[in-house]
């Protein structure tokens, strides 16, 4: 993975800047789900990673889906469809939070909660500080 986040990239008068990030989490930590933009695979997002996209203004559908055939990402497909504006920053947070784990004999049970949502800039910047470029 690349360098840690230090600051926002400059705004672009022709594009929306979309930061897609995934804070480090134990649940599905080794998985790298695929991020699609308007139905096309763009990249896999690692645990504790982020990417910055420059999108043309307008409505775009951003999807998180299971990654490669060996991916251990267990969440259902998640989508955000949003009208992005040029010269603005947007922050999309992908989360996988462990809720419960237990062992009974040789049976291991793990449950969690997954989320994919637009996040307020001040909150996102604070979380991005510990995250590395994908």
C-alpha atoms as a PDB file:
ATOM      1  CA  UNK A   1       0.000   0.000   0.000  1.00  0.00           C
ATOM      2  CA  UNK A   2       1.036   3.577  -0.564  1.00  0.00           C
ATOM      3  CA  UNK A   3       1.694   6.559   1.677  1.00  0.00           C
ATOM      4  CA  UNK A   4      -0.613   7.627   4.487  1.00  0.00           C
ATOM      5  CA  UNK A   5      -3.184  10.337   3.811  1.00  0.00           C
ATOM      6  CA  UNK A   6      -1.861  13.789   4.698  1.00  0.00           C
ATOM      7  CA  UNK A   7      -4.155  16.273   2.966  1.00  0.00           C
ATOM      8  CA  UNK A   8      -6.919  16.654   0.416  1.00  0.00           C
ATOM      9  CA  UNK A   9      -6.036  16.959  -3.229  1.00  0.00           C
ATOM     10  CA  UNK A  10      -6.821  20.292  -4.890  1.00  0.00           C
ATOM     11  CA  UNK A  11     -10.353  20.795  -6.157  1.00  0.00           C
ATOM     12  CA  UNK A  12     -11.010  20.382  -9.865  1.00  0.00           C
ATOM     13  CA  UNK A  13     -13.419  22.823 -11.578  1.00  0.00           C
ATOM     14  CA  UNK A  14     -14.270  20.134 -14.172  1.00  0.00           C
ATOM     15  CA  UNK A  15     -14.722  17.123 -11.850  1.00  0.00           C
ATOM     16  CA  UNK A  16     -15.991  15.974  -8.480  1.00  0.00           C
ATOM     17  CA  UNK A  17     -13.288  14.515  -6.221  1.00  0.00           C
ATOM     18  CA  UNK A  18     -14.599  11.355  -4.564  1.00  0.00           C
ATOM     19  CA  UNK A  19     -12.601   9.831  -1.714  1.00  0.00           C
ATOM     20  CA  UNK A  20     -13.558   6.206  -1.144  1.00  0.00           C
ATOM     21  CA  UNK A  21     -12.027   4.844   2.025  1.00  0.00           C
ATOM     22  CA  UNK A  22     -12.139   1.827   4.296  1.00  0.00           C
ATOM     23  CA  UNK A  23     -10.975   2.225   7.898  1.00  0.00           C
ATOM     24  CA  UNK A  24      -8.997  -0.720   9.225  1.00  0.00           C
ATOM     25  CA  UNK A  25     -11.246  -3.389  10.763  1.00  0.00           C
ATOM     26  CA  UNK A  26     -10.832  -6.955  11.971  1.00  0.00           C
ATOM     27  CA  UNK A  27     -13.963  -8.227  10.194  1.00  0.00           C
ATOM     28  CA  UNK A  28     -13.105  -9.394   6.654  1.00  0.00           C
ATOM     29  CA  UNK A  29      -9.716  -7.747   7.106  1.00  0.00           C
ATOM     30  CA  UNK A  30      -7.999  -9.787   4.393  1.00  0.00           C
ATOM     31  CA  UNK A  31     -10.774  -9.214   1.852  1.00  0.00           C
ATOM     32  CA  UNK A  32     -10.492  -6.624  -0.904  1.00  0.00           C
ATOM     33  CA  UNK A  33     -13.959  -5.959  -2.331  1.00  0.00           C
ATOM     34  CA  UNK A  34     -14.309  -4.473  -5.805  1.00  0.00           C
ATOM     35  CA  UNK A  35     -15.461  -0.899  -6.328  1.00  0.00           C
ATOM     36  CA  UNK A  36     -17.475  -0.312  -9.491  1.00  0.00           C
ATOM     37  CA  UNK A  37     -18.338   3.035 -11.022  1.00  0.00           C
ATOM     38  CA  UNK A  38     -21.401   2.984 -13.269  1.00  0.00           C
ATOM     39  CA  UNK A  39     -21.191  -0.801 -13.647  1.00  0.00           C
ATOM     40  CA  UNK A  40     -17.466  -0.980 -14.483  1.00  0.00           C
ATOM     41  CA  UNK A  41     -14.885  -2.486 -12.127  1.00  0.00           C
ATOM     42  CA  UNK A  42     -12.371   0.218 -11.131  1.00  0.00           C
ATOM     43  CA  UNK A  43     -10.281  -1.110  -8.228  1.00  0.00           C
ATOM     44  CA  UNK A  44     -10.243  -3.370  -5.183  1.00  0.00           C
ATOM     45  CA  UNK A  45     -10.152  -1.588  -1.850  1.00  0.00           C
ATOM     46  CA  UNK A  46      -7.888  -2.956   0.849  1.00  0.00           C
ATOM     47  CA  UNK A  47      -8.452  -2.898   4.583  1.00  0.00           C
ATOM     48  CA  UNK A  48      -7.174   0.492   5.774  1.00  0.00           C
ATOM     49  CA  UNK A  49      -6.979   1.891   2.232  1.00  0.00           C
ATOM     50  CA  UNK A  50      -8.379   4.739   0.177  1.00  0.00           C
ATOM     51  CA  UNK A  51      -8.623   5.934  -3.417  1.00  0.00           C
ATOM     52  CA  UNK A  52      -9.463   9.317  -4.906  1.00  0.00           C
ATOM     53  CA  UNK A  53     -11.565   9.446  -8.063  1.00  0.00           C
ATOM     54  CA  UNK A  54     -12.226  12.385 -10.376  1.00  0.00           C
ATOM     55  CA  UNK A  55     -15.778  11.961 -11.668  1.00  0.00           C
ATOM     56  CA  UNK A  56     -17.552  14.058 -14.258  1.00  0.00           C
ATOM     57  CA  UNK A  57     -20.494  16.032 -12.871  1.00  0.00           C
ATOM     58  CA  UNK A  58     -23.793  14.169 -12.825  1.00  0.00           C
ATOM     59  CA  UNK A  59     -25.396  11.051 -11.416  1.00  0.00           C
ATOM     60  CA  UNK A  60     -23.062   8.122 -10.831  1.00  0.00           C
ATOM     61  CA  UNK A  61     -23.715   4.719  -9.291  1.00  0.00           C
ATOM     62  CA  UNK A  62     -20.918   3.477  -7.039  1.00  0.00           C
ATOM     63  CA  UNK A  63     -21.076  -0.188  -6.054  1.00  0.00           C
ATOM     64  CA  UNK A  64     -19.181  -2.341  -3.589  1.00  0.00           C
ATOM     65  CA  UNK A  65     -19.239  -6.014  -4.498  1.00  0.00           C
ATOM     66  CA  UNK A  66     -17.335  -9.169  -3.660  1.00  0.00           C
ATOM     67  CA  UNK A  67     -13.814  -9.066  -5.033  1.00  0.00           C
ATOM     68  CA  UNK A  68     -11.913 -11.836  -6.798  1.00  0.00           C
ATOM     69  CA  UNK A  69     -13.011 -15.452  -6.573  1.00  0.00           C
ATOM     70  CA  UNK A  70     -10.846 -15.988  -3.480  1.00  0.00           C
ATOM     71  CA  UNK A  71     -12.152 -12.900  -1.675  1.00  0.00           C
ATOM     72  CA  UNK A  72     -13.536 -13.441   1.807  1.00  0.00           C
ATOM     73  CA  UNK A  73     -15.759 -10.329   1.661  1.00  0.00           C
ATOM     74  CA  UNK A  74     -19.124 -11.547   2.954  1.00  0.00           C
ATOM     75  CA  UNK A  75     -21.368  -8.502   2.628  1.00  0.00           C
ATOM     76  CA  UNK A  76     -24.087  -8.220   0.027  1.00  0.00           C
ATOM     77  CA  UNK A  77     -23.613  -5.780  -2.827  1.00  0.00           C
ATOM     78  CA  UNK A  78     -23.998  -2.162  -1.672  1.00  0.00           C
ATOM     79  CA  UNK A  79     -24.797   0.827  -3.906  1.00  0.00           C
ATOM     80  CA  UNK A  80     -24.835   4.585  -3.714  1.00  0.00           C
ATOM     81  CA  UNK A  81     -26.355   6.566  -6.557  1.00  0.00           C
ATOM     82  CA  UNK A  82     -25.717  10.272  -6.209  1.00  0.00           C
ATOM     83  CA  UNK A  83     -25.571  13.480  -8.223  1.00  0.00           C
ATOM     84  CA  UNK A  84     -21.983  14.702  -7.923  1.00  0.00           C
ATOM     85  CA  UNK A  85     -21.038  18.314  -8.639  1.00  0.00           C
ATOM     86  CA  UNK A  86     -17.765  19.605 -10.079  1.00  0.00           C
ATOM     87  CA  UNK A  87     -15.365  21.502  -7.822  1.00  0.00           C
ATOM     88  CA  UNK A  88     -16.515  19.636  -4.683  1.00  0.00           C
ATOM     89  CA  UNK A  89     -15.154  16.864  -2.469  1.00  0.00           C
ATOM     90  CA  UNK A  90     -17.195  13.820  -1.491  1.00  0.00           C
ATOM     91  CA  UNK A  91     -16.346  11.085   0.998  1.00  0.00           C
ATOM     92  CA  UNK A  92     -17.653   7.524   0.839  1.00  0.00           C
ATOM     93  CA  UNK A  93     -16.886   5.255   3.785  1.00  0.00           C
ATOM     94  CA  UNK A  94     -16.914   1.459   3.518  1.00  0.00           C
ATOM     95  CA  UNK A  95     -17.053  -0.213   6.906  1.00  0.00           C
ATOM     96  CA  UNK A  96     -17.016  -3.745   8.277  1.00  0.00           C
ATOM     97  CA  UNK A  97     -17.535  -3.774  12.030  1.00  0.00           C
ATOM     98  CA  UNK A  98     -17.237  -6.913  14.137  1.00  0.00           C
ATOM     99  CA  UNK A  99     -20.262  -7.302  16.400  1.00  0.00           C
ATOM    100  CA  UNK A 100     -19.945 -10.742  17.928  1.00  0.00           C
ATOM    101  CA  UNK A 101     -17.687 -13.769  17.877  1.00  0.00           C
ATOM    102  CA  UNK A 102     -17.956 -17.067  19.656  1.00  0.00           C
ATOM    103  CA  UNK A 103     -16.554 -20.589  19.743  1.00  0.00           C
ATOM    104  CA  UNK A 104     -18.514 -23.714  20.546  1.00  0.00           C
ATOM    105  CA  UNK A 105     -16.401 -26.846  20.237  1.00  0.00           C
ATOM    106  CA  UNK A 106     -14.936 -26.707  16.734  1.00  0.00           C
ATOM    107  CA  UNK A 107     -17.563 -24.235  15.481  1.00  0.00           C
ATOM    108  CA  UNK A 108     -16.611 -20.559  15.177  1.00  0.00           C
ATOM    109  CA  UNK A 109     -19.313 -17.925  14.781  1.00  0.00           C
ATOM    110  CA  UNK A 110     -18.547 -14.372  13.648  1.00  0.00           C
ATOM    111  CA  UNK A 111     -21.081 -11.672  12.902  1.00  0.00           C
ATOM    112  CA  UNK A 112     -20.746  -8.084  11.865  1.00  0.00           C
ATOM    113  CA  UNK A 113     -22.299  -5.045  10.311  1.00  0.00           C
ATOM    114  CA  UNK A 114     -21.329  -3.598   6.947  1.00  0.00           C
ATOM    115  CA  UNK A 115     -21.940  -0.081   5.691  1.00  0.00           C
ATOM    116  CA  UNK A 116     -21.320   2.129   2.683  1.00  0.00           C
ATOM    117  CA  UNK A 117     -22.343   5.764   3.004  1.00  0.00           C
ATOM    118  CA  UNK A 118     -21.572   9.399   2.249  1.00  0.00           C
ATOM    119  CA  UNK A 119     -19.757  10.917   5.224  1.00  0.00           C
ATOM    120  CA  UNK A 120     -19.338  14.504   6.405  1.00  0.00           C
ATOM    121  CA  UNK A 121     -15.983  16.000   5.363  1.00  0.00           C
ATOM    122  CA  UNK A 122     -14.712  16.864   8.857  1.00  0.00           C
ATOM    123  CA  UNK A 123     -15.413  13.335  10.126  1.00  0.00           C
ATOM    124  CA  UNK A 124     -13.895  11.720   7.019  1.00  0.00           C
ATOM    125  CA  UNK A 125     -10.690  13.775   7.149  1.00  0.00           C
ATOM    126  CA  UNK A 126     -10.164  12.728  10.751  1.00  0.00           C
ATOM    127  CA  UNK A 127     -10.562   9.037   9.804  1.00  0.00           C
ATOM    128  CA  UNK A 128      -8.439   9.336   6.682  1.00  0.00           C
ATOM    129  CA  UNK A 129      -5.376  10.375   8.731  1.00  0.00           C
ATOM    130  CA  UNK A 130      -4.512   6.760   9.555  1.00  0.00           C
ATOM    131  CA  UNK A 131      -5.309   5.315   6.139  1.00  0.00           C
ATOM    132  CA  UNK A 132      -2.953   4.514   3.257  1.00  0.00           C
ATOM    133  CA  UNK A 133      -3.369   5.056  -0.471  1.00  0.00           C
ATOM    134  CA  UNK A 134      -4.665   1.804  -1.940  1.00  0.00           C
END
